[in-house]
Amino acid sequence: MRFHSTKYIMDEIKLLVEKYSVEGINIVDDLFLANKKRLSEFADELEKEGISVEIIDLRTVRPMDRKVV
């Protein structure tokens, strides 16, 4: 399975924020949290850019593990 790169996702989010003044972004993807290294890289980029998103994991009703949070 091939995933979009962190750069690609960040470019898309920045486009939404800059061009359309989007104030809230929800990511609903049941595989988004599967790769914790990729997730950590993404979180670092979000923090660097000062962008806040909500990630919804539909695989479970249990909260994400502490390392992810």
C-alpha atoms as a PDB file:
ATOM      1  CA  MET A   1       0.000   0.000   0.000  1.00  0.00           C
ATOM      2  CA  ARG A   2       1.274   3.464  -0.856  1.00  0.00           C
ATOM      3  CA  PHE A   3       0.616   6.517   1.307  1.00  0.00           C
ATOM      4  CA  HIS A   4       0.839  10.195   0.444  1.00  0.00           C
ATOM      5  CA  SER A   5       3.991  11.819   1.774  1.00  0.00           C
ATOM      6  CA  THR A   6       3.897  14.168   4.737  1.00  0.00           C
ATOM      7  CA  LYS A   7       4.903  16.999   2.403  1.00  0.00           C
ATOM      8  CA  TYR A   8       1.977  16.274   0.082  1.00  0.00           C
ATOM      9  CA  ILE A   9      -0.515  16.238   2.958  1.00  0.00           C
ATOM     10  CA  MET A  10       0.931  19.439   4.450  1.00  0.00           C
ATOM     11  CA  ASP A  11       0.802  21.186   1.056  1.00  0.00           C
ATOM     12  CA  GLU A  12      -2.882  20.244   0.734  1.00  0.00           C
ATOM     13  CA  ILE A  13      -3.671  21.466   4.255  1.00  0.00           C
ATOM     14  CA  LYS A  14      -1.789  24.740   3.723  1.00  0.00           C
ATOM     15  CA  LEU A  15      -3.702  25.294   0.481  1.00  0.00           C
ATOM     16  CA  LEU A  16      -7.008  24.871   2.340  1.00  0.00           C
ATOM     17  CA  VAL A  17      -5.919  27.270   5.077  1.00  0.00           C
ATOM     18  CA  GLU A  18      -4.387  29.933   2.823  1.00  0.00           C
ATOM     19  CA  LYS A  19      -6.758  29.875  -0.153  1.00  0.00           C
ATOM     20  CA  TYR A  20     -10.057  29.057   1.547  1.00  0.00           C
ATOM     21  CA  SER A  21      -9.424  30.294   5.124  1.00  0.00           C
ATOM     22  CA  VAL A  22     -10.310  26.884   6.538  1.00  0.00           C
ATOM     23  CA  GLU A  23     -10.237  27.011  10.338  1.00  0.00           C
ATOM     24  CA  GLY A  24     -10.795  23.350  11.169  1.00  0.00           C
ATOM     25  CA  ILE A  25      -9.557  20.169   9.558  1.00  0.00           C
ATOM     26  CA  ASN A  26     -10.692  16.644  10.404  1.00  0.00           C
ATOM     27  CA  ILE A  27      -8.781  13.652   9.093  1.00  0.00           C
ATOM     28  CA  VAL A  28     -10.877  10.487   8.950  1.00  0.00           C
ATOM     29  CA  ASP A  29      -8.685   7.628   7.775  1.00  0.00           C
ATOM     30  CA  ASP A  30      -8.588   4.177   9.332  1.00  0.00           C
ATOM     31  CA  LEU A  31      -4.934   3.660   8.329  1.00  0.00           C
ATOM     32  CA  PHE A  32      -3.617   7.113   9.186  1.00  0.00           C
ATOM     33  CA  LEU A  33      -2.513   6.041  12.670  1.00  0.00           C
ATOM     34  CA  ALA A  34      -1.057   2.701  11.583  1.00  0.00           C
ATOM     35  CA  ASN A  35       2.477   4.016  10.993  1.00  0.00           C
ATOM     36  CA  LYS A  36       3.561   5.820  14.154  1.00  0.00           C
ATOM     37  CA  LYS A  37       6.808   7.098  12.617  1.00  0.00           C
ATOM     38  CA  ARG A  38       4.849   8.734   9.798  1.00  0.00           C
ATOM     39  CA  LEU A  39       2.311  10.097  12.279  1.00  0.00           C
ATOM     40  CA  SER A  40       5.079  11.594  14.425  1.00  0.00           C
ATOM     41  CA  GLU A  41       6.641  13.256  11.375  1.00  0.00           C
ATOM     42  CA  PHE A  42       3.234  14.666  10.419  1.00  0.00           C
ATOM     43  CA  ALA A  43       2.606  15.967  13.963  1.00  0.00           C
ATOM     44  CA  ASP A  44       6.011  17.680  13.965  1.00  0.00           C
ATOM     45  CA  GLU A  45       5.177  19.432  10.693  1.00  0.00           C
ATOM     46  CA  LEU A  46       1.759  20.527  11.974  1.00  0.00           C
ATOM     47  CA  GLU A  47       3.348  21.986  15.073  1.00  0.00           C
ATOM     48  CA  LYS A  48       6.035  23.751  13.049  1.00  0.00           C
ATOM     49  CA  GLU A  49       3.352  25.348  10.838  1.00  0.00           C
ATOM     50  CA  GLY A  50       1.029  26.129  13.767  1.00  0.00           C
ATOM     51  CA  ILE A  51      -1.826  24.129  12.245  1.00  0.00           C
ATOM     52  CA  SER A  52      -4.333  22.221  14.360  1.00  0.00           C
ATOM     53  CA  VAL A  53      -6.191  19.160  13.068  1.00  0.00           C
ATOM     54  CA  GLU A  54      -8.440  16.522  14.562  1.00  0.00           C
ATOM     55  CA  ILE A  55      -7.656  12.936  13.620  1.00  0.00           C
ATOM     56  CA  ILE A  56     -10.579  10.524  13.895  1.00  0.00           C
ATOM     57  CA  ASP A  57      -9.762   6.821  14.044  1.00  0.00           C
ATOM     58  CA  LEU A  58     -12.854   4.814  13.100  1.00  0.00           C
ATOM     59  CA  ARG A  59     -11.237   1.471  13.867  1.00  0.00           C
ATOM     60  CA  THR A  60     -11.952   1.664  17.582  1.00  0.00           C
ATOM     61  CA  VAL A  61     -13.841   3.565  20.250  1.00  0.00           C
ATOM     62  CA  ARG A  62     -10.823   3.321  22.539  1.00  0.00           C
ATOM     63  CA  PRO A  63      -8.514   6.330  22.778  1.00  0.00           C
ATOM     64  CA  MET A  64      -5.187   6.265  20.984  1.00  0.00           C
ATOM     65  CA  ASP A  65      -2.248   4.965  22.967  1.00  0.00           C
ATOM     66  CA  ARG A  66      -0.228   7.418  25.080  1.00  0.00           C
ATOM     67  CA  LYS A  67       2.736   7.577  22.671  1.00  0.00           C
ATOM     68  CA  VAL A  68       0.454   8.739  19.857  1.00  0.00           C
ATOM     69  CA  VAL A  69      -1.323  11.317  22.013  1.00  0.00           C
END
